[in-house]
Amino acid sequence: GIRIGLYSGIYLVVALILALARRVFPFFIERGVGYIVELKNRTWLDMSSLVLFLAFWVADILRPDSLPVALLALTLLALHAVRLAGWHTAGIWKKPLLWVLYLGYLWLVIAFALKAAVYFFGISPFLALHAFSYGAIGMITLGMMSRVTLGHTGRDMGDPPSALLPAFALLFAGSLARVLLPLLAPAHYKIWIGLSQGLWVIAFTLFVFIYLPMLTRARTDGQPG
């Protein structure tokens, strides 16, 4: 029961990201890169990715890390890699509020790859779990909070605080330390865990220092809120 609850909680948040990202990520990118670009969305991919993720969720609950789970993970890996490629444009790498979301979604693709590798190569299942949670959910949550706060307090989303860049970079480094370094150097597992914890705390502490004044004061444009 504990495992079902914990994994279902993670997968529910992932499902929300998959559903909402389809609309907001291309919207943000098209309006944020500073030039005209039209990104690709495919209806068949939108529908199949959600249906197959539901199947993946149920399969991993009923038969954890089995062959059906691995095959579904590989299929989802391919689908979301295609989606992510369709959302790419070079301008995102000049905009921290965009690349943090893009890299967060990339962690979903990596998580599906690691989930398949559990069955085929016998790696730890917790690496995929933390790619979903620390990598994808962590980075996308921080990126969305950073962007939405600017917009809803009347600030310019095209000119975010400069301290956001190190916050995003630290969180990405922490996700590498939590997910990939244990795979490459498992003998130092405790070091990687401690490092990733510290980087997470520093990244979100920076966010609090940057955004608490915005959230506790009136909007800069004089509108209510």
Protein backbone atom coordinates (compact mmCIF):
# COMPACT_ATOMS: atom_id res chain seq x y z
CA GLY A 1 0.00 0.00 0.00
CA ILE A 2 2.82 2.40 0.79
CA ARG A 3 4.49 1.77 -2.57
CA ILE A 4 1.22 2.15 -4.46
CA GLY A 5 0.52 5.46 -2.75
CA LEU A 6 3.99 6.90 -3.19
CA TYR A 7 4.42 5.89 -6.82
CA SER A 8 0.88 6.92 -7.73
CA GLY A 9 1.51 10.32 -6.19
CA ILE A 10 4.62 10.81 -8.34
CA TYR A 11 2.92 9.50 -11.46
CA LEU A 12 -0.12 11.72 -10.90
CA VAL A 13 2.10 14.81 -10.91
CA VAL A 14 3.92 13.52 -14.01
CA ALA A 15 0.56 13.00 -15.73
CA LEU A 16 -0.41 16.61 -14.94
CA ILE A 17 2.88 17.82 -16.40
CA LEU A 18 2.38 15.78 -19.57
CA ALA A 19 -1.14 17.17 -20.02
CA LEU A 20 -0.40 20.82 -19.20
CA ALA A 21 3.02 21.05 -20.86
CA ARG A 22 1.49 20.27 -24.24
CA ARG A 23 -0.25 23.65 -24.13
CA VAL A 24 1.92 25.93 -22.06
CA PHE A 25 5.46 24.96 -23.09
CA PRO A 26 5.05 25.74 -26.82
CA PHE A 27 3.06 28.86 -25.89
CA PHE A 28 5.85 30.11 -23.61
CA ILE A 29 8.57 29.31 -26.12
CA GLU A 30 6.85 30.89 -29.12
CA ARG A 31 6.30 34.13 -27.19
CA GLY A 32 9.52 34.13 -25.25
CA VAL A 33 12.35 33.57 -27.73
CA GLY A 34 12.04 37.01 -29.31
CA TYR A 35 11.46 35.92 -32.90
CA ILE A 36 8.69 34.25 -34.89
CA VAL A 37 8.65 30.49 -34.56
CA GLU A 38 5.87 27.91 -34.89
CA LEU A 39 6.41 24.75 -32.87
CA LYS A 40 5.00 21.35 -33.72
CA ASN A 41 2.21 19.61 -31.83
CA ARG A 42 0.69 16.34 -32.99
CA THR A 43 -2.78 15.22 -31.87
CA TRP A 44 -1.95 11.53 -32.18
CA LEU A 45 1.08 12.02 -29.95
CA ASP A 46 -0.88 14.03 -27.37
CA MET A 47 -3.52 11.32 -27.03
CA SER A 48 -1.30 8.26 -27.24
CA SER A 49 1.25 9.60 -24.77
CA LEU A 50 -1.39 10.06 -22.06
CA VAL A 51 -3.11 6.72 -22.70
CA LEU A 52 0.19 4.85 -22.71
CA PHE A 53 1.36 6.66 -19.60
CA LEU A 54 -1.79 5.51 -17.80
CA ALA A 55 -1.01 1.96 -18.92
CA PHE A 56 2.58 2.39 -17.73
CA TRP A 57 1.36 3.68 -14.36
CA VAL A 58 -0.98 0.72 -13.82
CA ALA A 59 1.60 -1.81 -15.04
CA ASP A 60 4.27 -0.48 -12.69
CA ILE A 61 1.88 -0.71 -9.77
CA LEU A 62 0.72 -4.25 -10.54
CA ARG A 63 4.00 -5.69 -11.86
CA PRO A 64 6.85 -3.36 -10.89
CA ASP A 65 9.78 -3.14 -13.30
CA SER A 66 8.52 -6.03 -15.44
CA LEU A 67 8.86 -6.48 -19.21
CA PRO A 68 5.53 -4.71 -19.95
CA VAL A 69 6.70 -1.74 -17.88
CA ALA A 70 10.01 -1.64 -19.78
CA LEU A 71 8.31 -1.83 -23.19
CA LEU A 72 5.84 0.90 -22.28
CA ALA A 73 8.72 3.03 -20.98
CA LEU A 74 10.59 2.63 -24.26
CA THR A 75 7.49 3.64 -26.21
CA LEU A 76 6.96 6.70 -24.02
CA LEU A 77 10.65 7.54 -24.37
CA ALA A 78 10.26 7.65 -28.15
CA LEU A 79 7.01 9.64 -28.06
CA HIS A 80 8.29 12.32 -25.72
CA ALA A 81 11.62 12.57 -27.49
CA VAL A 82 9.67 13.35 -30.69
CA ARG A 83 7.56 15.91 -28.83
CA LEU A 84 10.61 17.56 -27.27
CA ALA A 85 12.38 17.74 -30.63
CA GLY A 86 9.32 19.46 -32.08
CA TRP A 87 9.48 22.09 -29.35
CA HIS A 88 13.14 22.94 -29.86
CA THR A 89 14.36 26.25 -31.20
CA ALA A 90 17.82 27.68 -30.61
CA GLY A 91 16.52 30.78 -28.82
CA ILE A 92 15.48 28.88 -25.69
CA TRP A 93 19.11 28.56 -24.57
CA LYS A 94 19.35 32.33 -24.18
CA LYS A 95 16.30 32.46 -21.88
CA PRO A 96 16.62 30.84 -18.43
CA LEU A 97 12.83 30.79 -17.98
CA LEU A 98 12.59 28.65 -21.11
CA TRP A 99 15.56 26.31 -20.87
CA VAL A 100 14.72 25.36 -17.30
CA LEU A 101 11.36 24.03 -18.54
CA TYR A 102 12.95 22.35 -21.55
CA LEU A 103 15.57 20.60 -19.42
CA GLY A 104 12.88 19.62 -16.93
CA TYR A 105 10.94 17.91 -19.71
CA LEU A 106 14.16 16.27 -20.90
CA TRP A 107 14.38 14.62 -17.48
CA LEU A 108 11.06 12.92 -18.21
CA VAL A 109 12.58 11.39 -21.34
CA ILE A 110 15.63 10.30 -19.34
CA ALA A 111 13.38 8.84 -16.64
CA PHE A 112 11.60 6.60 -19.16
CA ALA A 113 14.99 5.44 -20.47
CA LEU A 114 16.14 4.60 -16.95
CA LYS A 115 12.87 2.82 -16.24
CA ALA A 116 13.44 0.53 -19.21
CA ALA A 117 17.05 0.00 -18.12
CA VAL A 118 15.84 -1.39 -14.79
CA TYR A 119 14.51 -4.48 -16.59
CA PHE A 120 17.07 -4.79 -19.38
CA PHE A 121 20.26 -3.89 -17.47
CA GLY A 122 19.36 -4.36 -13.80
CA ILE A 123 20.03 -0.80 -12.63
CA SER A 124 18.42 0.59 -9.48
CA PRO A 125 14.74 1.53 -9.94
CA PHE A 126 15.27 4.58 -7.72
CA LEU A 127 17.31 6.35 -10.38
CA ALA A 128 14.26 6.57 -12.64
CA LEU A 129 12.08 7.60 -9.71
CA HIS A 130 14.36 10.53 -8.91
CA ALA A 131 14.65 11.50 -12.56
CA PHE A 132 10.87 11.89 -12.47
CA SER A 133 10.80 13.69 -9.12
CA TYR A 134 14.04 15.61 -8.58
CA GLY A 135 14.83 16.20 -12.24
CA ALA A 136 11.49 16.70 -13.98
CA ILE A 137 9.09 17.75 -11.22
CA GLY A 138 11.72 19.80 -9.37
CA MET A 139 12.97 21.78 -12.36
CA ILE A 140 9.56 22.32 -13.95
CA THR A 141 8.05 23.40 -10.62
CA LEU A 142 10.83 25.92 -9.99
CA GLY A 143 10.66 27.18 -13.57
CA MET A 144 6.88 27.58 -13.58
CA MET A 145 6.80 29.33 -10.20
CA SER A 146 9.53 31.71 -11.35
CA ARG A 147 7.71 32.61 -14.56
CA VAL A 148 4.17 32.80 -13.21
CA THR A 149 5.16 34.99 -10.28
CA LEU A 150 6.70 37.57 -12.61
CA GLY A 151 3.59 37.65 -14.79
CA HIS A 152 1.11 37.85 -11.92
CA THR A 153 2.97 40.60 -10.08
CA GLY A 154 3.14 42.87 -13.11
CA ARG A 155 6.81 42.31 -13.86
CA ASP A 156 8.55 41.82 -17.20
CA MET A 157 8.95 38.10 -17.93
CA GLY A 158 11.50 38.98 -20.58
CA ASP A 159 13.80 40.42 -17.91
CA PRO A 160 13.88 37.94 -15.01
CA PRO A 161 16.13 38.42 -11.95
CA SER A 162 19.74 37.54 -12.74
CA ALA A 163 20.00 35.31 -9.65
CA LEU A 164 17.58 32.86 -11.28
CA LEU A 165 20.33 31.57 -13.55
CA PRO A 166 22.46 30.11 -10.71
CA ALA A 167 19.32 28.76 -9.00
CA PHE A 168 18.32 26.84 -12.13
CA ALA A 169 21.89 25.71 -12.77
CA LEU A 170 22.27 24.45 -9.19
CA LEU A 171 19.05 22.47 -9.41
CA PHE A 172 20.12 20.91 -12.71
CA ALA A 173 23.50 20.02 -11.20
CA GLY A 174 21.70 18.50 -8.25
CA SER A 175 19.57 16.34 -10.52
CA LEU A 176 22.74 15.09 -12.23
CA ALA A 177 24.23 14.31 -8.83
CA ARG A 178 21.08 12.47 -7.72
CA VAL A 179 20.37 10.50 -10.87
CA LEU A 180 23.43 10.04 -13.08
CA LEU A 181 26.42 10.13 -10.73
CA PRO A 182 25.15 7.12 -8.69
CA LEU A 183 24.94 5.24 -11.99
CA LEU A 184 28.51 6.16 -12.96
CA ALA A 185 30.13 5.92 -9.53
CA PRO A 186 27.90 3.88 -7.21
CA ALA A 187 30.65 3.48 -4.60
CA HIS A 188 30.15 7.13 -3.63
CA TYR A 189 26.37 6.93 -3.41
CA LYS A 190 26.09 8.67 -0.02
CA ILE A 191 28.21 11.56 -1.27
CA TRP A 192 25.95 12.04 -4.30
CA ILE A 193 22.85 11.95 -2.10
CA GLY A 194 24.25 14.58 0.24
CA LEU A 195 25.42 16.75 -2.63
CA SER A 196 22.06 16.61 -4.38
CA GLN A 197 20.24 17.48 -1.14
CA GLY A 198 22.46 20.49 -0.57
CA LEU A 199 22.06 21.79 -4.11
CA TRP A 200 18.26 21.40 -3.89
CA VAL A 201 18.14 23.41 -0.66
CA ILE A 202 20.39 26.16 -2.04
CA ALA A 203 18.40 26.44 -5.29
CA PHE A 204 15.03 26.80 -3.58
CA THR A 205 16.48 29.09 -0.91
CA LEU A 206 17.64 31.41 -3.69
CA PHE A 207 14.12 31.32 -5.10
CA VAL A 208 12.66 32.33 -1.73
CA PHE A 209 15.07 35.25 -1.32
CA ILE A 210 14.36 36.47 -4.86
CA TYR A 211 10.59 36.03 -4.90
CA LEU A 212 9.40 36.56 -1.34
CA PRO A 213 9.53 40.38 -1.73
CA MET A 214 7.53 40.12 -4.97
CA LEU A 215 4.88 37.93 -3.37
CA THR A 216 4.47 40.09 -0.28
CA ARG A 217 4.20 43.48 -1.99
CA ALA A 218 1.71 45.11 -4.33
CA ARG A 219 1.92 44.55 -8.07
CA THR A 220 4.36 46.86 -9.85
CA ASP A 221 1.78 47.86 -12.48
CA GLY A 222 -0.75 49.15 -9.94
CA GLN A 223 -3.39 46.50 -10.71
CA PRO A 224 -5.17 44.67 -7.87
CA GLY A 225 -3.35 41.67 -6.45
